[in-house]
Amino acid sequence: MSTETDTTDPTRIAFMCVQNAGRSQMSTAFAERERDRRGLDDSVEILTGGTHPADRVHEEVVQVMDEAGFDLSDRTPREITLDELRSCDYVATMGCSTLDVGKVGDDVTVADWALDDPDGQDPERVREIRDEIEARVAALFDEIESEE
């Protein structure tokens, strides 16, 4: 990332996976909360999507996120494009993407979080995945703030 760019441009973060129905949805919810908590509403833009989106967010994900105070029941998985990813500063993949994120360009920091798929897992395992995502999102925001 160039420090010579206009500092009024928001930092763009994308969370992506295949179905956009579990890990990337949890990541997005935690990122929205981190953005609000840190007062970064005007300086951080969050995208999410999948390469082959599901019809809805996985039920077990909706349940464990509800336990943590998030309502994902009205969220709809969506497709994410290579152009959207190219416009980002950071892209976090969940370990399952069928999209060759190597084609997004050298200006994008790509991290593969290699998280287990919560779909069909027991609630305790989904909670573990959720908690790992929460920690990774907080660490990403720490990194973003340290670069400003």
Protein backbone atom coordinates (compact mmCIF):
# COMPACT_ATOMS: atom_id res chain seq x y z
CA MET A 1 0.00 0.00 0.00
CA SER A 2 1.24 3.41 -0.87
CA THR A 3 1.29 6.08 1.79
CA GLU A 4 1.21 8.68 -0.97
CA THR A 5 -2.49 8.10 -1.69
CA ASP A 6 -5.24 10.47 -0.63
CA THR A 7 -5.74 9.87 3.09
CA THR A 8 -9.47 10.55 2.76
CA ASP A 9 -9.93 7.27 0.85
CA PRO A 10 -11.38 4.64 3.16
CA THR A 11 -9.49 1.45 3.90
CA ARG A 12 -11.43 -1.32 2.17
CA ILE A 13 -11.57 -4.79 3.69
CA ALA A 14 -13.21 -7.85 2.12
CA PHE A 15 -14.14 -11.09 3.85
CA MET A 16 -14.79 -13.86 1.37
CA CYS A 17 -15.37 -17.57 1.06
CA VAL A 18 -17.25 -19.87 -1.30
CA GLN A 19 -20.80 -19.65 0.03
CA ASN A 20 -20.66 -16.38 2.00
CA ALA A 21 -22.94 -18.12 4.48
CA GLY A 22 -20.75 -18.76 7.52
CA ARG A 23 -17.21 -17.62 8.23
CA SER A 24 -17.24 -14.53 6.03
CA GLN A 25 -20.61 -13.45 7.44
CA MET A 26 -19.31 -13.83 11.01
CA SER A 27 -16.15 -11.90 10.05
CA THR A 28 -18.21 -9.11 8.55
CA ALA A 29 -20.40 -8.78 11.65
CA PHE A 30 -17.35 -8.59 13.95
CA ALA A 31 -15.66 -6.11 11.59
CA GLU A 32 -18.71 -3.85 11.58
CA ARG A 33 -18.67 -3.89 15.38
CA GLU A 34 -14.92 -3.17 15.52
CA ARG A 35 -15.34 -0.30 13.06
CA ASP A 36 -18.06 1.21 15.24
CA ARG A 37 -16.20 0.65 18.53
CA ARG A 38 -13.05 2.28 17.19
CA GLY A 39 -14.84 5.22 15.59
CA LEU A 40 -13.69 4.29 12.09
CA ASP A 41 -17.05 4.61 10.33
CA ASP A 42 -15.69 7.15 7.84
CA SER A 43 -12.35 5.46 7.26
CA VAL A 44 -13.10 1.72 6.90
CA GLU A 45 -15.37 0.13 4.28
CA ILE A 46 -16.31 -3.54 4.64
CA LEU A 47 -17.26 -5.90 1.82
CA THR A 48 -18.25 -9.54 1.96
CA GLY A 49 -19.12 -12.14 -0.61
CA GLY A 50 -18.58 -15.59 -1.98
CA THR A 51 -17.58 -17.20 -5.23
CA HIS A 52 -20.71 -19.42 -5.21
CA PRO A 53 -23.09 -17.83 -2.67
CA ALA A 54 -25.61 -19.92 -0.77
CA ASP A 55 -29.27 -19.01 -0.52
CA ARG A 56 -29.02 -18.02 3.14
CA VAL A 57 -26.66 -17.82 6.09
CA HIS A 58 -26.17 -21.23 7.75
CA GLU A 59 -28.61 -21.76 10.62
CA GLU A 60 -25.92 -22.81 13.10
CA VAL A 61 -24.05 -19.58 12.33
CA VAL A 62 -27.18 -17.48 12.88
CA GLN A 63 -27.69 -19.23 16.25
CA VAL A 64 -24.18 -18.82 17.68
CA MET A 65 -23.90 -15.24 16.44
CA ASP A 66 -27.24 -14.48 18.10
CA GLU A 67 -25.70 -15.74 21.37
CA ALA A 68 -22.96 -13.13 20.88
CA GLY A 69 -25.47 -10.33 20.24
CA PHE A 70 -25.56 -10.32 16.43
CA ASP A 71 -28.65 -10.86 14.28
CA LEU A 72 -27.56 -12.39 10.98
CA SER A 73 -31.00 -13.81 10.15
CA ASP A 74 -31.71 -11.06 7.62
CA ARG A 75 -28.33 -11.23 5.85
CA THR A 76 -28.18 -12.63 2.33
CA PRO A 77 -25.06 -14.22 0.86
CA ARG A 78 -23.84 -12.41 -2.26
CA GLU A 79 -21.29 -12.93 -4.98
CA ILE A 80 -18.03 -11.01 -4.82
CA THR A 81 -16.15 -10.03 -7.96
CA LEU A 82 -12.46 -9.89 -8.74
CA ASP A 83 -12.87 -6.14 -9.43
CA GLU A 84 -14.29 -5.64 -5.93
CA LEU A 85 -11.35 -7.52 -4.44
CA ARG A 86 -8.88 -5.46 -6.49
CA SER A 87 -10.37 -2.30 -4.97
CA CYS A 88 -9.57 -3.50 -1.44
CA ASP A 89 -6.59 -2.89 0.80
CA TYR A 90 -7.10 -6.16 2.71
CA VAL A 91 -8.78 -9.41 1.68
CA ALA A 92 -9.32 -12.19 4.21
CA THR A 93 -10.22 -15.56 2.74
CA MET A 94 -11.57 -18.27 4.98
CA GLY A 95 -9.54 -21.17 3.61
CA CYS A 96 -12.03 -22.32 1.03
CA SER A 97 -12.04 -19.88 -1.85
CA THR A 98 -12.25 -21.15 -5.41
CA LEU A 99 -11.26 -17.70 -6.66
CA ASP A 100 -7.60 -17.19 -7.50
CA VAL A 101 -6.97 -14.26 -5.19
CA GLY A 102 -3.41 -14.09 -6.51
CA LYS A 103 -4.90 -12.15 -9.42
CA VAL A 104 -6.05 -9.25 -7.23
CA GLY A 105 -2.71 -7.46 -7.51
CA ASP A 106 0.28 -6.55 -5.38
CA ASP A 107 -1.46 -3.57 -3.74
CA VAL A 108 -3.87 -5.86 -1.87
CA THR A 109 -2.84 -7.62 1.33
CA VAL A 110 -4.37 -11.11 1.19
CA ALA A 111 -4.57 -13.36 4.24
CA ASP A 112 -5.95 -16.89 4.22
CA TRP A 113 -7.37 -17.51 7.68
CA ALA A 114 -7.79 -21.27 6.98
CA LEU A 115 -10.83 -21.66 9.23
CA ASP A 116 -13.00 -24.76 9.45
CA ASP A 117 -16.39 -24.55 7.77
CA PRO A 118 -19.11 -24.19 10.45
CA ASP A 119 -21.79 -25.67 8.16
CA GLY A 120 -23.18 -28.80 9.80
CA GLN A 121 -20.89 -28.57 12.84
CA ASP A 122 -22.11 -28.96 16.41
CA PRO A 123 -22.80 -25.68 18.27
CA GLU A 124 -19.66 -25.91 20.42
CA ARG A 125 -17.41 -26.17 17.35
CA VAL A 126 -19.24 -23.26 15.67
CA ARG A 127 -18.66 -21.19 18.83
CA GLU A 128 -14.93 -22.00 18.67
CA ILE A 129 -14.79 -20.88 15.03
CA ARG A 130 -16.76 -17.74 15.93
CA ASP A 131 -14.37 -16.88 18.76
CA GLU A 132 -11.32 -17.40 16.54
CA ILE A 133 -12.86 -15.12 13.91
CA GLU A 134 -13.55 -12.45 16.54
CA ALA A 135 -9.88 -12.49 17.60
CA ARG A 136 -8.62 -12.37 14.00
CA VAL A 137 -10.87 -9.43 13.14
CA ALA A 138 -9.68 -7.49 16.20
CA ALA A 139 -6.05 -8.19 15.23
CA LEU A 140 -6.72 -6.99 11.67
CA PHE A 141 -8.16 -3.73 12.99
CA ASP A 142 -5.13 -3.33 15.26
CA GLU A 143 -2.94 -3.67 12.16
CA ILE A 144 -5.01 -1.18 10.19
CA GLU A 145 -4.89 1.38 13.00
CA SER A 146 -1.13 0.95 13.40
CA GLU A 147 -0.62 1.83 9.72
CA GLU A 148 -2.63 5.06 9.84
